[in-house]
Amino acid sequence: MYRQILTPDKENHSIELPEDLYGKKIEVIAFEINEMQPSNTGVKNFLDDIEPIPDFPGIEKIRENGWPEKW
């Protein structure tokens, strides 16, 4: 797969493809990209809402004993 994001500045535009695509049948799709950039605040808020499981063993304990049958 090859992806290139560009802003054409003229009526005709050429795209340079990697050599491994030469001679192969390819599909080109063009669509407008929404300029809004995702923010990291959604991830932070999601992680803040997750409460730890109090009886879940730490990674050191898991490595020591393997996965227990019940936490």
Protein backbone atom coordinates (compact mmCIF):
# COMPACT_ATOMS: atom_id res chain seq x y z
CA MET A 1 0.00 0.00 0.00
CA TYR A 2 1.21 3.48 -0.78
CA ARG A 3 -0.34 6.64 0.61
CA GLN A 4 0.53 10.23 -0.19
CA ILE A 5 -1.26 13.28 1.16
CA LEU A 6 -0.83 16.36 -1.00
CA THR A 7 -2.36 19.69 -1.88
CA PRO A 8 -2.51 20.07 -5.66
CA ASP A 9 -1.66 23.56 -6.85
CA LYS A 10 -2.55 23.12 -10.52
CA GLU A 11 -5.13 21.42 -12.72
CA ASN A 12 -2.97 18.36 -13.53
CA HIS A 13 -0.86 16.68 -10.89
CA SER A 14 1.60 13.78 -11.15
CA ILE A 15 2.27 11.32 -8.35
CA GLU A 16 5.59 9.47 -8.18
CA LEU A 17 5.02 5.85 -7.21
CA PRO A 18 7.53 3.49 -5.60
CA GLU A 19 9.24 1.06 -7.98
CA ASP A 20 7.54 -1.99 -6.44
CA LEU A 21 4.24 -0.75 -7.92
CA TYR A 22 5.58 -0.47 -11.49
CA GLY A 23 3.71 -2.77 -13.87
CA LYS A 24 0.96 -3.55 -11.34
CA LYS A 25 -2.69 -2.66 -11.55
CA ILE A 26 -3.41 0.04 -8.95
CA GLU A 27 -6.40 2.08 -7.81
CA VAL A 28 -6.18 5.81 -7.13
CA ILE A 29 -8.82 7.44 -4.94
CA ALA A 30 -8.96 11.19 -4.26
CA PHE A 31 -11.03 12.86 -1.57
CA GLU A 32 -10.88 15.99 0.54
CA ILE A 33 -9.40 15.57 4.03
CA ASN A 34 -11.01 17.29 6.98
CA GLU A 35 -8.43 19.71 8.38
CA MET A 36 -9.40 19.13 12.02
CA GLN A 37 -6.57 17.49 13.94
CA PRO A 38 -7.51 15.01 16.66
CA SER A 39 -6.53 16.05 20.15
CA ASN A 40 -5.02 13.83 22.80
CA THR A 41 -7.43 15.10 25.47
CA GLY A 42 -10.02 12.44 24.59
CA VAL A 43 -7.56 9.67 25.35
CA LYS A 44 -6.51 11.29 28.60
CA ASN A 45 -10.11 11.73 29.73
CA PHE A 46 -10.92 8.13 28.82
CA LEU A 47 -7.96 6.81 30.82
CA ASP A 48 -8.83 9.03 33.78
CA ASP A 49 -12.27 7.37 33.96
CA ILE A 50 -10.85 3.84 34.23
CA GLU A 51 -10.48 2.72 37.81
CA PRO A 52 -7.81 0.14 38.65
CA ILE A 53 -8.90 -3.30 39.79
CA PRO A 54 -7.68 -3.50 43.39
CA ASP A 55 -7.01 -7.26 43.47
CA PHE A 56 -5.37 -7.45 40.02
CA PRO A 57 -1.71 -8.46 40.45
CA GLY A 58 1.11 -6.19 39.30
CA ILE A 59 3.32 -7.14 36.36
CA GLU A 60 6.09 -8.35 38.70
CA LYS A 61 3.68 -10.76 40.41
CA ILE A 62 2.38 -12.04 37.05
CA ARG A 63 5.92 -12.65 35.83
CA GLU A 64 6.78 -14.42 39.09
CA ASN A 65 3.82 -16.79 39.22
CA GLY A 66 2.33 -16.79 35.74
CA TRP A 67 -1.34 -15.90 35.22
CA PRO A 68 -3.37 -16.98 38.26
CA GLU A 69 -6.73 -18.72 37.88
CA LYS A 70 -8.47 -15.95 39.82
CA TRP A 71 -7.22 -12.47 40.65
